[in-house]
Protein backbone atom coordinates (compact mmCIF):
# COMPACT_ATOMS: atom_id res chain seq x y z
CA UNK A 1 0.00 0.00 0.00
CA UNK A 2 1.38 3.35 -0.98
CA UNK A 3 0.87 5.74 1.90
CA UNK A 4 1.27 9.47 2.26
CA UNK A 5 3.46 10.02 5.29
CA UNK A 6 2.73 12.68 7.83
CA UNK A 7 4.27 13.90 11.03
CA UNK A 8 3.89 12.83 14.60
CA UNK A 9 6.64 15.34 15.40
CA UNK A 10 8.24 15.11 18.87
CA UNK A 11 7.77 18.26 20.94
CA UNK A 12 11.13 19.99 21.12
CA UNK A 13 10.17 22.82 23.45
CA UNK A 14 6.86 23.22 25.20
CA UNK A 15 6.93 24.41 28.81
CA UNK A 16 4.10 23.29 31.02
CA UNK A 17 3.28 20.18 28.97
CA UNK A 18 3.65 17.82 31.91
CA UNK A 19 1.28 19.90 34.01
CA UNK A 20 -1.29 19.95 31.23
CA UNK A 21 -1.10 16.20 30.73
CA UNK A 22 -1.16 15.54 34.45
CA UNK A 23 -4.33 17.57 34.76
CA UNK A 24 -5.84 15.53 31.95
CA UNK A 25 -5.08 12.29 33.76
CA UNK A 26 -6.54 13.48 37.05
CA UNK A 27 -9.75 14.70 35.49
CA UNK A 28 -10.39 11.32 33.85
CA UNK A 29 -11.10 12.71 30.41
CA UNK A 30 -10.10 14.98 27.59
CA UNK A 31 -13.18 17.16 27.47
CA UNK A 32 -16.68 17.43 28.80
CA UNK A 33 -19.47 15.04 27.92
CA UNK A 34 -22.30 16.74 26.09
CA UNK A 35 -25.66 15.42 24.87
CA UNK A 36 -25.64 14.30 21.23
CA UNK A 37 -25.66 17.42 19.12
CA UNK A 38 -25.60 18.54 15.53
CA UNK A 39 -23.31 21.42 16.43
CA UNK A 40 -20.33 21.72 14.08
CA UNK A 41 -17.81 21.58 16.95
CA UNK A 42 -18.97 18.73 19.24
CA UNK A 43 -17.57 17.99 22.67
CA UNK A 44 -16.75 14.41 23.51
CA UNK A 45 -14.98 12.33 26.09
CA UNK A 46 -12.78 9.29 25.44
CA UNK A 47 -14.46 6.03 26.35
CA UNK A 48 -11.37 4.50 27.96
CA UNK A 49 -8.95 5.56 30.71
CA UNK A 50 -7.03 8.80 30.09
CA UNK A 51 -3.73 8.65 28.25
CA UNK A 52 -0.64 9.80 30.06
CA UNK A 53 2.39 10.91 28.12
CA UNK A 54 5.75 12.44 28.99
CA UNK A 55 7.15 15.66 27.68
CA UNK A 56 9.90 16.52 25.17
CA UNK A 57 13.34 14.95 24.95
CA UNK A 58 16.13 14.04 22.62
CA UNK A 59 17.50 11.37 24.98
CA UNK A 60 18.10 7.92 23.47
CA UNK A 61 15.96 5.09 24.81
CA UNK A 62 18.94 3.49 26.51
CA UNK A 63 19.54 6.45 28.80
CA UNK A 64 17.16 6.41 31.80
CA UNK A 65 16.31 9.75 33.36
CA UNK A 66 14.73 10.91 36.58
CA UNK A 67 11.59 12.35 34.96
CA UNK A 68 9.55 11.63 31.83
CA UNK A 69 11.28 14.18 29.65
CA UNK A 70 10.28 13.06 26.22
CA UNK A 71 9.66 10.63 23.42
CA UNK A 72 12.22 7.94 22.58
CA UNK A 73 14.68 9.15 19.99
CA UNK A 74 12.99 9.10 16.64
CA UNK A 75 9.62 7.96 17.95
CA UNK A 76 6.50 9.94 17.14
CA UNK A 77 5.32 10.80 20.66
CA UNK A 78 2.87 13.62 21.20
CA UNK A 79 3.22 16.59 18.91
CA UNK A 80 2.36 20.24 19.17
CA UNK A 81 3.45 23.46 17.57
CA UNK A 82 4.73 26.03 20.08
CA UNK A 83 3.78 29.63 19.56
CA UNK A 84 6.03 31.49 17.13
CA UNK A 85 5.89 34.54 19.44
CA UNK A 86 8.12 33.90 22.48
CA UNK A 87 6.54 36.85 24.33
CA UNK A 88 3.02 35.43 24.13
CA UNK A 89 1.42 33.64 27.08
CA UNK A 90 1.81 29.83 27.18
CA UNK A 91 -0.95 28.05 25.30
CA UNK A 92 -2.95 25.55 27.33
CA UNK A 93 -2.81 22.14 25.73
CA UNK A 94 -4.46 18.74 25.95
CA UNK A 95 -3.78 15.25 24.62
CA UNK A 96 -5.88 13.62 21.90
CA UNK A 97 -5.56 10.29 20.12
CA UNK A 98 -5.22 9.86 16.37
CA UNK A 99 -4.93 6.51 14.61
CA UNK A 100 -2.22 5.88 12.04
CA UNK A 101 -0.76 2.79 10.36
CA UNK A 102 2.36 0.92 11.43
CA UNK A 103 4.11 -0.81 8.53
CA UNK A 104 5.11 -4.43 8.89
CA UNK A 105 4.58 -7.99 7.74
CA UNK A 106 1.08 -9.51 7.57
CA UNK A 107 -0.24 -9.82 11.10
CA UNK A 108 1.94 -6.94 12.28
CA UNK A 109 0.91 -4.10 9.97
CA UNK A 110 -2.20 -2.25 11.04
CA UNK A 111 -3.82 0.64 12.86
CA UNK A 112 -2.06 2.09 15.87
CA UNK A 113 -3.18 4.78 18.36
CA UNK A 114 -0.84 7.75 18.76
CA UNK A 115 -0.94 10.75 21.07
CA UNK A 116 -1.01 14.33 19.85
CA UNK A 117 -0.78 17.53 21.88
CA UNK A 118 -3.18 20.23 20.67
CA UNK A 119 -4.46 23.56 22.02
CA UNK A 120 -7.06 23.01 24.72
CA UNK A 121 -10.66 23.10 23.45
CA UNK A 122 -14.08 21.72 24.28
CA UNK A 123 -14.35 20.47 20.67
CA UNK A 124 -12.20 17.42 21.38
CA UNK A 125 -13.49 15.25 18.53
CA UNK A 126 -12.79 18.03 16.02
CA UNK A 127 -9.33 18.53 17.52
CA UNK A 128 -8.57 14.82 17.15
CA UNK A 129 -9.67 14.86 13.51
CA UNK A 130 -7.62 17.94 12.72
CA UNK A 131 -4.59 16.30 14.35
CA UNK A 132 -5.16 13.21 12.21
CA UNK A 133 -5.26 15.30 9.02
CA UNK A 134 -2.22 17.42 9.86
CA UNK A 135 0.12 17.32 6.87
CA UNK A 136 3.69 17.62 8.12
CA UNK A 137 6.58 15.39 6.97
CA UNK A 138 7.05 12.38 9.22
CA UNK A 139 10.20 12.24 11.34
CA UNK A 140 9.74 8.84 12.95
CA UNK A 141 12.76 6.53 12.90
CA UNK A 142 11.70 4.22 15.74
CA UNK A 143 9.14 2.40 13.65
CA UNK A 144 7.60 3.18 10.30
CA UNK A 145 4.33 5.02 10.90
CA UNK A 146 2.28 6.32 7.99
CA UNK A 147 -1.17 7.50 7.02
CA UNK A 148 -3.33 6.37 4.12
CA UNK A 149 -5.20 9.69 4.11
CA UNK A 150 -4.20 11.69 1.02
CA UNK A 151 -2.29 14.91 1.52
CA UNK A 152 -4.47 18.00 1.33
CA UNK A 153 -7.57 16.39 2.86
CA UNK A 154 -9.52 19.01 4.80
CA UNK A 155 -12.14 18.67 7.54
CA UNK A 156 -15.22 20.52 6.26
CA UNK A 157 -17.65 19.62 9.02
CA UNK A 158 -18.25 17.37 12.01
CA UNK A 159 -21.41 16.73 14.02
CA UNK A 160 -22.55 14.09 16.50
CA UNK A 161 -26.13 12.94 16.92
CA UNK A 162 -27.60 9.77 18.42
CA UNK A 163 -24.19 8.10 18.63
CA UNK A 164 -23.26 8.76 15.00
CA UNK A 165 -20.52 11.18 14.01
CA UNK A 166 -21.09 12.71 10.57
CA UNK A 167 -17.74 13.76 9.16
CA UNK A 168 -17.52 15.85 5.99
CA UNK A 169 -14.16 15.74 4.23
CA UNK A 170 -12.81 17.42 1.11
CA UNK A 171 -12.67 15.52 -2.18
CA UNK A 172 -8.98 14.71 -1.68
CA UNK A 173 -10.03 12.11 0.89
CA UNK A 174 -11.32 9.70 -1.76
CA UNK A 175 -8.60 10.32 -4.34
CA UNK A 176 -5.86 7.91 -5.32
CA UNK A 177 -4.70 4.60 -3.89
CA UNK A 178 -6.12 1.11 -4.17
CA UNK A 179 -8.55 -0.76 -1.97
CA UNK A 180 -6.01 -1.33 0.82
CA UNK A 181 -5.35 2.41 1.09
CA UNK A 182 -9.08 3.20 0.97
CA UNK A 183 -9.93 0.78 3.77
CA UNK A 184 -7.08 2.08 5.92
CA UNK A 185 -8.09 5.72 5.56
CA UNK A 186 -11.71 4.91 6.41
CA UNK A 187 -10.48 2.91 9.39
CA UNK A 188 -8.22 5.71 10.61
CA UNK A 189 -11.11 8.17 10.72
CA UNK A 190 -13.52 5.65 12.24
CA UNK A 191 -11.14 4.67 15.04
CA UNK A 192 -10.17 8.26 15.76
CA UNK A 193 -13.80 9.33 16.20
CA UNK A 194 -15.11 6.22 17.97
CA UNK A 195 -12.60 6.66 20.78
CA UNK A 196 -15.23 8.97 22.27
CA UNK A 197 -18.08 7.70 24.44
CA UNK A 198 -20.64 9.69 22.42
CA UNK A 199 -19.66 8.05 19.11
CA UNK A 200 -20.34 4.43 18.13
CA UNK A 201 -20.23 4.82 14.32
CA UNK A 202 -19.19 7.26 11.60
CA UNK A 203 -21.15 8.49 8.58
CA UNK A 204 -18.85 9.68 5.80
CA UNK A 205 -19.51 12.66 3.58
CA UNK A 206 -17.36 14.16 0.83
CA UNK A 207 -17.97 17.80 -0.08
CA UNK A 208 -21.31 17.66 1.77
CA UNK A 209 -22.61 14.54 0.01
CA UNK A 210 -23.16 11.31 1.95
CA UNK A 211 -20.91 8.56 0.59
CA UNK A 212 -22.52 5.25 -0.36
CA UNK A 213 -19.76 4.06 -2.71
CA UNK A 214 -16.25 5.13 -1.75
CA UNK A 215 -13.31 5.78 -4.07
CA UNK A 216 -12.28 4.27 -7.36
CA UNK A 217 -12.49 0.77 -5.88
CA UNK A 218 -16.22 1.20 -5.26
CA UNK A 219 -16.22 0.26 -1.57
CA UNK A 220 -19.88 0.10 -0.50
CA UNK A 221 -20.78 2.04 2.63
CA UNK A 222 -24.40 1.07 3.24
CA UNK A 223 -24.52 2.48 6.77
CA UNK A 224 -22.41 4.37 9.30
CA UNK A 225 -19.13 2.56 9.88
CA UNK A 226 -18.12 1.07 13.25
CA UNK A 227 -14.82 -0.33 14.52
CA UNK A 228 -15.94 -3.88 13.72
CA UNK A 229 -16.03 -2.96 10.03
CA UNK A 230 -12.25 -2.56 9.98
CA UNK A 231 -10.98 -5.66 11.79
CA UNK A 232 -8.96 -6.55 8.68
CA UNK A 233 -7.03 -3.30 9.17
CA UNK A 234 -5.84 -4.38 12.62
CA UNK A 235 -2.73 -6.39 13.45
CA UNK A 236 -3.25 -9.89 14.86
CA UNK A 237 -2.74 -8.35 18.31
CA UNK A 238 -4.11 -4.82 18.55
CA UNK A 239 -3.02 -2.83 21.60
CA UNK A 240 -5.36 0.13 22.01
CA UNK A 241 -4.03 1.30 25.38
CA UNK A 242 -1.40 2.42 26.06
CA UNK A 243 -0.99 4.43 22.88
CA UNK A 244 2.26 4.37 20.94
CA UNK A 245 4.75 6.46 22.94
CA UNK A 246 2.58 6.85 26.07
CA UNK A 247 3.39 6.37 29.75
CA UNK A 248 2.32 2.86 30.70
CA UNK A 249 1.95 3.34 34.46
CA UNK A 250 3.07 0.93 37.16
CA UNK A 251 1.45 -1.52 37.37
CA UNK A 252 0.82 -1.32 33.64
CA UNK A 253 -2.69 -1.77 32.30
CA UNK A 254 -2.82 -3.06 28.70
CA UNK A 255 -6.07 -3.39 26.75
CA UNK A 256 -6.91 -4.38 23.21
CA UNK A 257 -8.12 -7.27 21.10
CA UNK A 258 -6.61 -10.18 19.19
CA UNK A 259 -7.29 -12.96 16.72
CA UNK A 260 -4.64 -15.57 17.49
CA UNK A 261 -4.38 -19.35 17.81
CA UNK A 262 -6.42 -20.61 20.78
CA UNK A 263 -6.87 -16.97 21.90
CA UNK A 264 -3.41 -17.07 23.49
CA UNK A 265 -0.87 -14.25 23.24
CA UNK A 266 2.02 -12.88 25.23
CA UNK A 267 2.76 -9.39 26.50
CA UNK A 268 6.25 -8.40 27.62
CA UNK A 269 7.82 -5.24 29.01
CA UNK A 270 11.48 -4.49 28.29
CA UNK A 271 13.55 -1.78 29.93
CA UNK A 272 15.68 0.80 28.12
CA UNK A 273 18.56 -1.64 27.70
CA UNK A 274 16.31 -4.34 26.22
CA UNK A 275 16.19 -6.50 29.35
CA UNK A 276 12.90 -8.35 29.80
CA UNK A 277 11.14 -7.23 32.98
CA UNK A 278 7.99 -9.29 32.59
CA UNK A 279 6.64 -11.68 29.96
CA UNK A 280 3.16 -13.08 30.61
CA UNK A 281 0.72 -15.27 28.77
CA UNK A 282 -2.62 -13.59 28.14
CA UNK A 283 -5.88 -15.18 27.03
CA UNK A 284 -8.31 -13.16 24.92
CA UNK A 285 -12.05 -13.75 25.07
CA UNK A 286 -11.98 -15.38 21.62
CA UNK A 287 -9.42 -16.58 19.10
CA UNK A 288 -8.60 -18.77 16.08
CA UNK A 289 -10.89 -17.08 13.59
CA UNK A 290 -12.59 -14.58 15.88
CA UNK A 291 -11.36 -11.42 17.55
CA UNK A 292 -11.50 -11.39 21.35
CA UNK A 293 -10.66 -8.68 23.86
CA UNK A 294 -8.08 -8.62 26.63
CA UNK A 295 -7.55 -6.33 29.62
CA UNK A 296 -4.57 -7.17 31.82
CA UNK A 297 -2.33 -5.59 34.43
CA UNK A 298 1.42 -6.21 34.36
CA UNK A 299 3.68 -5.62 37.35
CA UNK A 300 7.28 -4.68 36.63
CA UNK A 301 10.24 -3.21 38.50
CA UNK A 302 12.67 -0.50 37.36
CA UNK A 303 14.95 1.57 39.56
CA UNK A 304 14.57 4.74 37.52
CA UNK A 305 12.04 6.18 35.09
CA UNK A 306 13.03 5.44 31.52
CA UNK A 307 11.85 4.63 28.01
CA UNK A 308 11.18 0.96 27.43
CA UNK A 309 9.20 -1.32 25.15
CA UNK A 310 5.84 -3.04 25.34
CA UNK A 311 6.06 -6.16 23.16
CA UNK A 312 3.02 -8.10 21.91
CA UNK A 313 3.42 -11.46 20.17
CA UNK A 314 1.98 -14.96 19.92
CA UNK A 315 3.35 -18.46 19.60
CA UNK A 316 3.36 -20.41 16.37
CA UNK A 317 0.69 -23.12 16.19
CA UNK A 318 3.39 -25.39 14.74
CA UNK A 319 6.24 -25.09 17.23
CA UNK A 320 5.43 -22.25 19.62
CA UNK A 321 8.09 -19.92 18.20
CA UNK A 322 7.39 -16.17 18.57
CA UNK A 323 5.25 -14.76 15.76
CA UNK A 324 3.74 -11.39 14.92
CA UNK A 325 6.11 -9.44 17.18
CA UNK A 326 5.05 -5.82 17.51
CA UNK A 327 6.87 -3.30 19.72
CA UNK A 328 5.53 -0.09 21.24
CA UNK A 329 7.73 2.54 22.95
CA UNK A 330 6.40 3.22 26.47
CA UNK A 331 7.49 5.31 29.45
CA UNK A 332 8.32 3.17 32.49
CA UNK A 333 8.23 4.37 36.09
CA UNK A 334 9.34 2.81 39.42
């Protein structure tokens, strides 16, 4: 799949970011819950636990530090654009999630949640969409992250009513690419908007017209799209929380879903030097042809806060050898 790459630029200088993120975590959400509305700038609240993320850094992953000072070298991490006027007052920020695509082999490639830092607003769903569509060059060297959404795509409108988000995008959204690209871009938008408790499905519009047949491949959209419509765009083991480059907490809570042999997978945490701290077998609610959920807590021990790795994989049905290995940078704390 040919993908247009965009930025998840690490924050290089943004004072007060840790305070803003800490406040987000304590409040339990990234915005206020509002009744379903047709307003063009809806408020929404994420349906899961709040994301926690550290601030800026250029430290390599192998160098632990006393405080969460940034994203692992080359990883996307949260992004924000500081004010160009150094004399202006600091801009209040918040964290939103946007879903991109991690390249890899079959079973590893798929959607991945990332964290973005944006100016604080009550229109959280709109802010998440605008972060998803941001068109900066990608600078990620940790792992290849891309977007299938064509460059130049603009958000023309967004409303939420009765659990359905109606998103209106510019005509660039349906241009170019084959069926794989088309399914990924639809999945990116659907996952980004259905992270909110007020949204269960997404109705797509292009230039104000409701889409029933999407793109040159003629993908039929007979109804609003839900997460279940894009299971083929997920890796075999999909970790939804923590997001790519987020703080994992201690103990670490890991949630997601998987379609693996006998519903059995493994989750491991590695420290900054690559040493395995914990490696546990996890059983999803369904497997071998169906996608089941998992929600586990992992205890680990580090002497100092540092960047590490959350590793998800499963054993081969033939000989038990590790398969589908997928690594996520995470911030570890004592």
